[in-house]
């Protein structure tokens, strides 16, 4: 069974780094400052998280810090799914 972090990392690698070396992609790697994820990419990530983890899109604050790294996304999803229960 894969973890939330592994799932999110897999999505980032597939959607934003397809064919590129992802060995340096740690959970704290800044995806926005590095240019891996741009503003349109944040929208794609929000849409993916909403669909995959059943988080109503209206409940997702578009704060870039929530999507800056895999760790931040994971923490956001954990928080959002706990409050939805």
Protein backbone atom coordinates (compact mmCIF):
# COMPACT_ATOMS: atom_id res chain seq x y z
CA UNK A 1 0.00 0.00 0.00
CA UNK A 2 1.37 3.38 -0.93
CA UNK A 3 1.28 6.40 1.31
CA UNK A 4 -0.30 9.74 0.60
CA UNK A 5 3.16 11.22 0.03
CA UNK A 6 3.98 8.48 -2.50
CA UNK A 7 0.70 9.05 -4.33
CA UNK A 8 1.22 12.80 -4.57
CA UNK A 9 4.86 12.36 -5.60
CA UNK A 10 3.75 9.95 -8.32
CA UNK A 11 1.26 12.49 -9.63
CA UNK A 12 3.86 15.29 -9.69
CA UNK A 13 6.41 13.09 -11.47
CA UNK A 14 3.88 11.88 -14.05
CA UNK A 15 2.22 15.23 -14.76
CA UNK A 16 5.08 17.68 -14.40
CA UNK A 17 8.36 15.77 -14.71
CA UNK A 18 7.51 13.09 -17.27
CA UNK A 19 10.76 11.79 -18.66
CA UNK A 20 12.93 13.99 -16.43
CA UNK A 21 15.15 12.86 -13.58
CA UNK A 22 13.14 13.03 -10.37
CA UNK A 23 15.85 11.73 -8.02
CA UNK A 24 16.15 15.14 -6.31
CA UNK A 25 12.40 15.44 -5.74
CA UNK A 26 12.27 15.29 -1.95
CA UNK A 27 9.11 15.93 0.01
CA UNK A 28 10.33 19.45 0.87
CA UNK A 29 11.51 20.37 -2.65
CA UNK A 30 9.96 23.75 -3.53
CA UNK A 31 7.91 22.99 -6.62
CA UNK A 32 6.82 26.58 -7.22
CA UNK A 33 10.14 28.41 -6.77
CA UNK A 34 11.90 25.78 -8.89
CA UNK A 35 9.39 26.23 -11.71
CA UNK A 36 8.19 22.62 -11.68
CA UNK A 37 4.66 23.84 -10.90
CA UNK A 38 3.50 27.23 -12.19
CA UNK A 39 0.19 29.00 -11.54
CA UNK A 40 -1.69 26.83 -14.04
CA UNK A 41 0.01 23.81 -12.49
CA UNK A 42 -1.36 24.78 -9.06
CA UNK A 43 -4.86 24.75 -10.57
CA UNK A 44 -4.18 21.27 -12.00
CA UNK A 45 -2.90 20.07 -8.61
CA UNK A 46 -5.96 21.50 -6.83
CA UNK A 47 -8.25 19.75 -9.31
CA UNK A 48 -6.38 16.47 -8.86
CA UNK A 49 -6.46 16.63 -5.06
CA UNK A 50 -10.15 17.51 -5.10
CA UNK A 51 -11.03 14.55 -7.33
CA UNK A 52 -8.68 12.00 -5.81
CA UNK A 53 -9.28 12.73 -2.13
CA UNK A 54 -12.91 13.87 -2.41
CA UNK A 55 -12.33 17.37 -1.11
CA UNK A 56 -14.97 19.84 -2.30
CA UNK A 57 -13.24 22.36 -4.55
CA UNK A 58 -14.88 25.21 -2.61
CA UNK A 59 -13.12 23.94 0.54
CA UNK A 60 -9.64 24.25 -0.98
CA UNK A 61 -8.02 27.61 -0.23
CA UNK A 62 -5.81 28.68 -3.13
CA UNK A 63 -2.89 29.51 -0.88
CA UNK A 64 0.30 28.65 -2.79
CA UNK A 65 1.98 27.53 0.43
CA UNK A 66 -0.42 24.54 0.53
CA UNK A 67 0.96 23.39 -2.84
CA UNK A 68 4.60 24.45 -2.62
CA UNK A 69 5.93 20.97 -1.81
CA UNK A 70 4.80 17.37 -1.63
CA UNK A 71 4.94 17.60 2.17
CA UNK A 72 2.71 20.70 2.15
CA UNK A 73 0.20 19.02 -0.17
CA UNK A 74 0.16 15.91 1.98
CA UNK A 75 -0.40 17.93 5.16
CA UNK A 76 -3.17 19.88 3.43
CA UNK A 77 -4.96 16.71 2.26
CA UNK A 78 -4.67 15.11 5.70
CA UNK A 79 -6.10 18.23 7.32
CA UNK A 80 -8.89 18.65 4.77
CA UNK A 81 -9.99 15.04 4.93
CA UNK A 82 -9.99 15.01 8.74
CA UNK A 83 -12.23 18.09 8.91
CA UNK A 84 -14.58 16.63 6.30
CA UNK A 85 -15.29 13.57 8.47
